[in-house]
Protein backbone atom coordinates (compact mmCIF):
# COMPACT_ATOMS: atom_id res chain seq x y z
CA MET A 1 -15.07 -21.61 6.03
CA LYS A 2 -15.91 -18.10 7.59
CA LYS A 3 -15.18 -17.60 11.40
CA HIS A 4 -15.46 -14.23 12.80
CA GLY A 5 -16.51 -12.93 9.55
CA PHE A 6 -12.96 -13.66 7.89
CA ASP A 7 -12.82 -16.62 5.22
CA LEU A 8 -10.07 -18.89 6.57
CA ALA A 9 -9.59 -20.27 3.19
CA ALA A 10 -8.61 -16.70 1.87
CA PHE A 11 -5.84 -16.42 4.59
CA GLU A 12 -2.95 -16.89 2.45
CA GLU A 13 -4.28 -14.63 -0.02
CA TYR A 14 -5.22 -11.50 2.61
CA PHE A 15 -2.84 -11.81 5.59
CA SER A 16 0.01 -9.75 5.15
CA PHE A 17 2.93 -12.44 5.51
CA ASP A 18 5.56 -9.39 4.94
CA ARG A 19 5.01 -7.92 8.35
CA PHE A 20 3.40 -9.48 11.15
CA ILE A 21 4.13 -10.48 14.92
CA THR A 22 4.33 -13.82 16.17
CA LEU A 23 3.43 -14.65 20.07
CA ASP A 24 3.38 -17.86 21.98
CA ALA A 25 -0.53 -18.83 22.38
CA GLU A 26 -1.97 -21.48 24.71
CA PRO A 27 -1.57 -25.10 23.01
CA SER A 28 -4.44 -27.03 22.20
CA LYS A 29 -6.32 -29.51 24.11
CA THR A 30 -4.23 -32.24 22.76
CA GLY A 31 -0.80 -30.45 23.42
CA ARG A 32 -0.11 -28.85 20.25
CA ALA A 33 1.90 -25.99 19.90
CA ARG A 34 0.03 -22.71 18.91
CA PHE A 35 1.07 -19.31 17.87
CA LYS A 36 -0.76 -15.83 17.80
CA LEU A 37 -0.11 -14.13 14.37
CA ILE A 38 -1.05 -10.42 14.84
CA GLY A 39 -1.03 -8.50 11.45
CA SER A 40 -3.12 -7.05 8.66
CA TRP A 41 -5.88 -8.20 6.29
CA CYS A 42 -5.85 -6.88 2.96
CA ASP A 43 -3.82 -3.91 4.30
CA GLU A 44 -6.76 -2.87 6.00
CA VAL A 45 -7.61 -4.26 9.12
CA VAL A 46 -5.33 -5.50 12.14
CA VAL A 47 -6.39 -9.37 12.58
CA VAL A 48 -5.04 -12.02 15.07
CA ALA A 49 -4.89 -15.33 13.52
CA ILE A 50 -4.30 -18.55 15.88
CA VAL A 51 -2.24 -21.03 14.09
CA SER A 52 -0.79 -24.43 14.63
CA PRO A 53 2.34 -26.07 12.90
CA LEU A 54 2.12 -28.82 10.62
CA GLY A 55 5.43 -29.77 10.07
CA SER A 56 7.68 -27.42 8.69
CA GLU A 57 6.18 -26.43 5.84
CA ALA A 58 2.44 -25.54 6.80
CA ILE A 59 0.14 -24.03 9.56
CA ASP A 60 -3.43 -25.06 10.50
CA ILE A 61 -5.31 -21.72 11.06
CA VAL A 62 -7.58 -22.13 14.29
CA SER A 63 -9.36 -18.67 14.14
CA VAL A 64 -9.13 -15.33 12.83
CA ARG A 65 -10.58 -12.40 14.32
CA ARG A 66 -10.07 -8.41 14.41
CA ALA A 67 -7.22 -7.70 16.87
CA TYR A 68 -8.17 -5.98 20.21
CA LYS A 69 -7.27 -2.47 20.91
CA ASN A 70 -3.89 -3.52 22.95
CA GLU A 71 -3.01 -5.93 20.07
CA ARG A 72 -3.21 -3.36 17.29
CA ALA A 73 -1.17 -0.99 19.60
CA LEU A 74 1.35 -3.74 19.87
CA TYR A 75 1.27 -4.14 16.07
CA ALA A 76 1.61 -0.22 15.55
CA SER A 77 4.67 -0.11 17.62
CA HIS A 78 6.42 -3.00 15.64
């Protein structure tokens, strides 16, 4: 499935898990916790992923999009 031009099925392969920022995000309509991950995609584009934990071993990827200017600046300063 693609959303905002990013293949969600490829998230684990392309998202840079060795350097990213985690912020709290609005919970889902059902109250599930969500987090905003700011990191790079293929070491080229800074993206924001909204994710929700599935237990302690997995995440549900809700959305991936290009980071806004302020999010890119936050990532660059990290």
